[in-house]
Structure formats: C-alpha cells, structure tokens
Amino acid sequence: MDKVIIYEKGDLLYIFNFHPDKSFENYQVGTLWKSDHFVIMESDEERFGGHRRLDDAHGRWYETYNQ
C-alpha cells in the first residue's frame, strides 16, 4: 500500500511519502496547473535522515504532461 499524501495549497504542491522503506519513481500527480514544477524542499536529504535519492532535484524543473 502506498502511504502518500498529496495536496495543493496556494501556489504550492505538497507531496509526502510516509512509507518507512519504499520510494516511488515516476509517481504521476494530477494538478490543474499547466506550468512545469520544481522542488523547493525535500526530506530525503541526508540532514533530515533521508537516503539522498533526490540529490539532483533542487533547481531542476519537472515537466508537466497533458493527458
């Protein structure tokens, strides 16, 4: 079972993964926004006790797809 919570508030999209040992790659998230997204903060950083799987996430734009 995925233990993920996703919600929008204002101009931000929040994605939380509460699974103790499972990461998700290519997890598709639906929003009404047409613009691309980028990561502001991610808890997988080593300083938060994470596994550093997203080291290249900061400053990188994530393209949106229309379906």
PDB file of N, CA and C in Angstrom:
ATOM      1  N   MET A   1       0.835  -1.171   0.000  1.00  0.00           N
ATOM      2  CA  MET A   1       0.000   0.000   0.000  1.00  0.00           C
ATOM      3  C   MET A   1       0.887   1.243   0.000  1.00  0.00           C
ATOM      4  N   ASP A   2       0.544   2.211  -0.873  1.00  0.00           N
ATOM      5  CA  ASP A   2       1.243   3.500  -0.878  1.00  0.00           C
ATOM      6  C   ASP A   2       0.795   4.281   0.345  1.00  0.00           C
ATOM      7  N   LYS A   3       1.714   4.966   0.945  1.00  0.00           N
ATOM      8  CA  LYS A   3       1.401   5.815   2.099  1.00  0.00           C
ATOM      9  C   LYS A   3       1.799   7.238   1.731  1.00  0.00           C
ATOM     10  N   VAL A   4       1.094   7.782   0.736  1.00  0.00           N
ATOM     11  CA  VAL A   4       1.421   9.074   0.158  1.00  0.00           C
ATOM     12  C   VAL A   4       0.237  10.022   0.323  1.00  0.00           C
ATOM     13  N   ILE A   5       0.532  11.261   0.715  1.00  0.00           N
ATOM     14  CA  ILE A   5      -0.478  12.313   0.782  1.00  0.00           C
ATOM     15  C   ILE A   5      -0.013  13.430  -0.142  1.00  0.00           C
ATOM     16  N   ILE A   6      -0.921  13.891  -0.993  1.00  0.00           N
ATOM     17  CA  ILE A   6      -0.615  14.955  -1.946  1.00  0.00           C
ATOM     18  C   ILE A   6      -1.727  15.987  -1.871  1.00  0.00           C
ATOM     19  N   TYR A   7      -1.346  17.259  -1.746  1.00  0.00           N
ATOM     20  CA  TYR A   7      -2.360  18.305  -1.775  1.00  0.00           C
ATOM     21  C   TYR A   7      -1.760  19.616  -2.270  1.00  0.00           C
ATOM     22  N   GLU A   8      -2.650  20.490  -2.745  1.00  0.00           N
ATOM     23  CA  GLU A   8      -2.257  21.809  -3.213  1.00  0.00           C
ATOM     24  C   GLU A   8      -2.757  22.846  -2.217  1.00  0.00           C
ATOM     25  N   LYS A   9      -1.942  23.855  -1.978  1.00  0.00           N
ATOM     26  CA  LYS A   9      -2.361  24.992  -1.166  1.00  0.00           C
ATOM     27  C   LYS A   9      -1.688  26.224  -1.746  1.00  0.00           C
ATOM     28  N   GLY A  10      -2.478  27.176  -2.165  1.00  0.00           N
ATOM     29  CA  GLY A  10      -1.923  28.361  -2.821  1.00  0.00           C
ATOM     30  C   GLY A  10      -1.194  27.968  -4.081  1.00  0.00           C
ATOM     31  N   ASP A  11       0.036  28.445  -4.208  1.00  0.00           N
ATOM     32  CA  ASP A  11       0.848  28.142  -5.392  1.00  0.00           C
ATOM     33  C   ASP A  11       1.769  26.950  -5.177  1.00  0.00           C
ATOM     34  N   LEU A  12       1.546  26.178  -4.125  1.00  0.00           N
ATOM     35  CA  LEU A  12       2.446  25.075  -3.811  1.00  0.00           C
ATOM     36  C   LEU A  12       1.734  23.726  -3.890  1.00  0.00           C
ATOM     37  N   LEU A  13       2.508  22.728  -4.256  1.00  0.00           N
ATOM     38  CA  LEU A  13       2.057  21.344  -4.283  1.00  0.00           C
ATOM     39  C   LEU A  13       2.881  20.590  -3.246  1.00  0.00           C
ATOM     40  N   TYR A  14       2.209  19.952  -2.314  1.00  0.00           N
ATOM     41  CA  TYR A  14       2.881  19.214  -1.250  1.00  0.00           C
ATOM     42  C   TYR A  14       2.733  17.718  -1.514  1.00  0.00           C
ATOM     43  N   ILE A  15       3.834  16.993  -1.446  1.00  0.00           N
ATOM     44  CA  ILE A  15       3.818  15.542  -1.625  1.00  0.00           C
ATOM     45  C   ILE A  15       4.582  14.927  -0.467  1.00  0.00           C
ATOM     46  N   PHE A  16       3.902  14.091   0.299  1.00  0.00           N
ATOM     47  CA  PHE A  16       4.509  13.439   1.460  1.00  0.00           C
ATOM     48  C   PHE A  16       4.456  11.931   1.278  1.00  0.00           C
ATOM     49  N   ASN A  17       5.582  11.283   1.427  1.00  0.00           N
ATOM     50  CA  ASN A  17       5.657   9.823   1.397  1.00  0.00           C
ATOM     51  C   ASN A  17       5.936   9.348   2.818  1.00  0.00           C
ATOM     52  N   PHE A  18       4.977   8.684   3.427  1.00  0.00           N
ATOM     53  CA  PHE A  18       5.114   8.216   4.801  1.00  0.00           C
ATOM     54  C   PHE A  18       5.491   6.742   4.885  1.00  0.00           C
ATOM     55  N   HIS A  19       5.805   6.140   3.749  1.00  0.00           N
ATOM     56  CA  HIS A  19       6.199   4.733   3.778  1.00  0.00           C
ATOM     57  C   HIS A  19       7.604   4.634   4.372  1.00  0.00           C
ATOM     58  N   PRO A  20       7.827   3.764   5.339  1.00  0.00           N
ATOM     59  CA  PRO A  20       9.122   3.721   6.034  1.00  0.00           C
ATOM     60  C   PRO A  20      10.298   3.250   5.191  1.00  0.00           C
ATOM     61  N   ASP A  21      10.035   2.473   4.115  1.00  0.00           N
ATOM     62  CA  ASP A  21      11.172   1.967   3.348  1.00  0.00           C
ATOM     63  C   ASP A  21      10.906   1.860   1.851  1.00  0.00           C
ATOM     64  N   LYS A  22       9.905   2.564   1.343  1.00  0.00           N
ATOM     65  CA  LYS A  22       9.589   2.486  -0.076  1.00  0.00           C
ATOM     66  C   LYS A  22       9.611   3.878  -0.701  1.00  0.00           C
ATOM     67  N   SER A  23      10.371   4.017  -1.778  1.00  0.00           N
ATOM     68  CA  SER A  23      10.388   5.237  -2.573  1.00  0.00           C
ATOM     69  C   SER A  23       9.599   4.993  -3.847  1.00  0.00           C
ATOM     70  N   PHE A  24       9.154   6.060  -4.455  1.00  0.00           N
ATOM     71  CA  PHE A  24       8.364   5.943  -5.676  1.00  0.00           C
ATOM     72  C   PHE A  24       9.020   6.736  -6.780  1.00  0.00           C
ATOM     73  N   GLU A  25       9.294   6.074  -7.899  1.00  0.00           N
ATOM     74  CA  GLU A  25       9.827   6.748  -9.077  1.00  0.00           C
ATOM     75  C   GLU A  25       8.692   6.923 -10.073  1.00  0.00           C
ATOM     76  N   ASN A  26       8.730   8.040 -10.779  1.00  0.00           N
ATOM     77  CA  ASN A  26       7.738   8.321 -11.824  1.00  0.00           C
ATOM     78  C   ASN A  26       6.311   8.273 -11.293  1.00  0.00           C
ATOM     79  N   TYR A  27       6.120   8.747 -10.069  1.00  0.00           N
ATOM     80  CA  TYR A  27       4.794   8.799  -9.456  1.00  0.00           C
ATOM     81  C   TYR A  27       4.023   9.930 -10.118  1.00  0.00           C
ATOM     82  N   GLN A  28       2.936   9.631 -10.787  1.00  0.00           N
ATOM     83  CA  GLN A  28       2.186  10.651 -11.505  1.00  0.00           C
ATOM     84  C   GLN A  28       1.213  11.343 -10.566  1.00  0.00           C
ATOM     85  N   VAL A  29       1.209  12.670 -10.635  1.00  0.00           N
ATOM     86  CA  VAL A  29       0.366  13.505  -9.785  1.00  0.00           C
ATOM     87  C   VAL A  29      -0.434  14.434 -10.680  1.00  0.00           C
ATOM     88  N   GLY A  30      -1.721  14.469 -10.506  1.00  0.00           N
ATOM     89  CA  GLY A  30      -2.567  15.354 -11.302  1.00  0.00           C
ATOM     90  C   GLY A  30      -2.763  16.702 -10.630  1.00  0.00           C
ATOM     91  N   THR A  31      -2.598  17.779 -11.385  1.00  0.00           N
ATOM     92  CA  THR A  31      -2.890  19.130 -10.903  1.00  0.00           C
ATOM     93  C   THR A  31      -3.619  19.872 -12.017  1.00  0.00           C
ATOM     94  N   LEU A  32      -4.149  21.013 -11.686  1.00  0.00           N
ATOM     95  CA  LEU A  32      -4.788  21.857 -12.700  1.00  0.00           C
ATOM     96  C   LEU A  32      -3.798  22.834 -13.324  1.00  0.00           C
ATOM     97  N   TRP A  33      -2.576  22.875 -12.816  1.00  0.00           N
ATOM     98  CA  TRP A  33      -1.577  23.811 -13.310  1.00  0.00           C
ATOM     99  C   TRP A  33      -0.985  23.326 -14.621  1.00  0.00           C
ATOM    100  N   LYS A  34      -0.762  24.273 -15.528  1.00  0.00           N
ATOM    101  CA  LYS A  34      -0.162  23.957 -16.830  1.00  0.00           C
ATOM    102  C   LYS A  34       1.350  24.155 -16.826  1.00  0.00           C
ATOM    103  N   SER A  35       1.873  24.844 -15.810  1.00  0.00           N
ATOM    104  CA  SER A  35       3.305  25.156 -15.783  1.00  0.00           C
ATOM    105  C   SER A  35       4.114  23.987 -15.229  1.00  0.00           C
ATOM    106  N   ASP A  36       5.400  23.975 -15.560  1.00  0.00           N
ATOM    107  CA  ASP A  36       6.297  22.963 -15.021  1.00  0.00           C
ATOM    108  C   ASP A  36       6.526  23.221 -13.532  1.00  0.00           C
ATOM    109  N   HIS A  37       7.072  22.226 -12.822  1.00  0.00           N
ATOM    110  CA  HIS A  37       7.250  22.307 -11.371  1.00  0.00           C
ATOM    111  C   HIS A  37       8.725  22.150 -11.003  1.00  0.00           C
ATOM    112  N   PHE A  38       9.104  22.632  -9.826  1.00  0.00           N
ATOM    113  CA  PHE A  38      10.442  22.383  -9.308  1.00  0.00           C
ATOM    114  C   PHE A  38      10.369  22.167  -7.799  1.00  0.00           C
ATOM    115  N   VAL A  39      11.378  21.507  -7.260  1.00  0.00           N
ATOM    116  CA  VAL A  39      11.423  21.144  -5.850  1.00  0.00           C
ATOM    117  C   VAL A  39      12.004  22.292  -5.040  1.00  0.00           C
ATOM    118  N   ILE A  40      11.294  22.685  -3.990  1.00  0.00           N
ATOM    119  CA  ILE A  40      11.793  23.710  -3.069  1.00  0.00           C
ATOM    120  C   ILE A  40      12.476  23.049  -1.882  1.00  0.00           C
ATOM    121  N   MET A  41      11.847  22.028  -1.325  1.00  0.00           N
ATOM    122  CA  MET A  41      12.389  21.322  -0.168  1.00  0.00           C
ATOM    123  C   MET A  41      12.007  19.852  -0.272  1.00  0.00           C
ATOM    124  N   GLU A  42      12.939  18.986   0.064  1.00  0.00           N
ATOM    125  CA  GLU A  42      12.637  17.558   0.069  1.00  0.00           C
ATOM    126  C   GLU A  42      13.304  16.907   1.269  1.00  0.00           C
ATOM    127  N   SER A  43      12.552  16.073   1.945  1.00  0.00           N
ATOM    128  CA  SER A  43      13.019  15.498   3.216  1.00  0.00           C
ATOM    129  C   SER A  43      13.913  14.275   3.030  1.00  0.00           C
ATOM    130  N   ASP A  44      14.221  13.916   1.802  1.00  0.00           N
ATOM    131  CA  ASP A  44      15.126  12.795   1.572  1.00  0.00           C
ATOM    132  C   ASP A  44      16.592  13.221   1.677  1.00  0.00           C
ATOM    133  N   GLU A  45      16.823  14.496   1.989  1.00  0.00           N
ATOM    134  CA  GLU A  45      18.188  14.974   2.201  1.00  0.00           C
ATOM    135  C   GLU A  45      18.788  14.285   3.427  1.00  0.00           C
ATOM    136  N   GLU A  46      20.087  14.120   3.400  1.00  0.00           N
ATOM    137  CA  GLU A  46      20.786  13.450   4.500  1.00  0.00           C
ATOM    138  C   GLU A  46      20.578  14.175   5.834  1.00  0.00           C
ATOM    139  N   ARG A  47      20.499  15.499   5.800  1.00  0.00           N
ATOM    140  CA  ARG A  47      20.343  16.257   7.048  1.00  0.00           C
ATOM    141  C   ARG A  47      18.997  16.006   7.724  1.00  0.00           C
ATOM    142  N   PHE A  48      18.032  15.463   6.988  1.00  0.00           N
ATOM    143  CA  PHE A  48      16.732  15.116   7.563  1.00  0.00           C
ATOM    144  C   PHE A  48      16.620  13.613   7.834  1.00  0.00           C
ATOM    145  N   GLY A  49      17.721  12.890   7.694  1.00  0.00           N
ATOM    146  CA  GLY A  49      17.702  11.444   7.909  1.00  0.00           C
ATOM    147  C   GLY A  49      17.298  10.660   6.678  1.00  0.00           C
ATOM    148  N   GLY A  50      17.295  11.323   5.527  1.00  0.00           N
ATOM    149  CA  GLY A  50      16.896  10.671   4.275  1.00  0.00           C
ATOM    150  C   GLY A  50      18.024   9.874   3.648  1.00  0.00           C
ATOM    151  N   HIS A  51      17.707   9.293   2.489  1.00  0.00           N
ATOM    152  CA  HIS A  51      18.641   8.407   1.797  1.00  0.00           C
ATOM    153  C   HIS A  51      19.333   9.073   0.604  1.00  0.00           C
ATOM    154  N   ARG A  52      19.137  10.363   0.413  1.00  0.00           N
ATOM    155  CA  ARG A  52      19.791  11.142  -0.651  1.00  0.00           C
ATOM    156  C   ARG A  52      19.474  10.628  -2.044  1.00  0.00           C
ATOM    157  N   ARG A  53      18.268  10.168  -2.271  1.00  0.00           N
ATOM    158  CA  ARG A  53      17.892   9.675  -3.591  1.00  0.00           C
ATOM    159  C   ARG A  53      17.538  10.806  -4.541  1.00  0.00           C
ATOM    160  N   LEU A  54      17.334  12.003  -4.028  1.00  0.00           N
ATOM    161  CA  LEU A  54      16.915  13.127  -4.865  1.00  0.00           C
ATOM    162  C   LEU A  54      17.958  14.240  -4.903  1.00  0.00           C
ATOM    163  N   ASP A  55      19.228  13.887  -4.809  1.00  0.00           N
ATOM    164  CA  ASP A  55      20.287  14.900  -4.741  1.00  0.00           C
ATOM    165  C   ASP A  55      20.244  15.893  -5.900  1.00  0.00           C
ATOM    166  N   ASP A  56      19.781  15.485  -7.054  1.00  0.00           N
ATOM    167  CA  ASP A  56      19.755  16.393  -8.201  1.00  0.00           C
ATOM    168  C   ASP A  56      18.407  17.081  -8.367  1.00  0.00           C
ATOM    169  N   ALA A  57      17.520  16.996  -7.383  1.00  0.00           N
ATOM    170  CA  ALA A  57      16.167  17.526  -7.512  1.00  0.00           C
ATOM    171  C   ALA A  57      16.103  19.051  -7.441  1.00  0.00           C
ATOM    172  N   HIS A  58      16.947  19.664  -6.636  1.00  0.00           N
ATOM    173  CA  HIS A  58      16.879  21.112  -6.445  1.00  0.00           C
ATOM    174  C   HIS A  58      17.362  21.860  -7.684  1.00  0.00           C
ATOM    175  N   GLY A  59      16.606  22.872  -8.061  1.00  0.00           N
ATOM    176  CA  GLY A  59      16.967  23.674  -9.218  1.00  0.00           C
ATOM    177  C   GLY A  59      16.655  22.997 -10.544  1.00  0.00           C
ATOM    178  N   ARG A  60      16.015  21.869 -10.506  1.00  0.00           N
ATOM    179  CA  ARG A  60      15.659  21.134 -11.724  1.00  0.00           C
ATOM    180  C   ARG A  60      14.156  21.246 -11.941  1.00  0.00           C
ATOM    181  N   TRP A  61      13.768  21.568 -13.143  1.00  0.00           N
ATOM    182  CA  TRP A  61      12.353  21.683 -13.484  1.00  0.00           C
ATOM    183  C   TRP A  61      11.797  20.323 -13.879  1.00  0.00           C
ATOM    184  N   TYR A  62      10.578  20.058 -13.466  1.00  0.00           N
ATOM    185  CA  TYR A  62       9.888  18.818 -13.806  1.00  0.00           C
ATOM    186  C   TYR A  62       8.741  19.154 -14.743  1.00  0.00           C
ATOM    187  N   GLU A  63       8.800  18.574 -15.910  1.00  0.00           N
ATOM    188  CA  GLU A  63       7.850  18.873 -16.969  1.00  0.00           C
ATOM    189  C   GLU A  63       6.476  18.290 -16.653  1.00  0.00           C
ATOM    190  N   THR A  64       5.444  19.049 -16.975  1.00  0.00           N
ATOM    191  CA  THR A  64       4.074  18.540 -16.824  1.00  0.00           C
ATOM    192  C   THR A  64       3.616  17.930 -18.148  1.00  0.00           C
ATOM    193  N   TYR A  65       2.683  17.024 -18.041  1.00  0.00           N
ATOM    194  CA  TYR A  65       2.146  16.352 -19.225  1.00  0.00           C
ATOM    195  C   TYR A  65       0.637  16.463 -19.231  1.00  0.00           C
ATOM    196  N   ASN A  66       0.094  16.774 -20.388  1.00  0.00           N
ATOM    197  CA  ASN A  66      -1.368  16.807 -20.534  1.00  0.00           C
ATOM    198  C   ASN A  66      -1.853  15.414 -20.898  1.00  0.00           C
ATOM    199  N   GLN A  67      -2.901  14.991 -20.233  1.00  0.00           N
ATOM    200  CA  GLN A  67      -3.481  13.680 -20.564  1.00  0.00           C
ATOM    201  C   GLN A  67      -4.939  13.812 -20.869  1.00  0.00           C
TER     202      GLN A  67
END
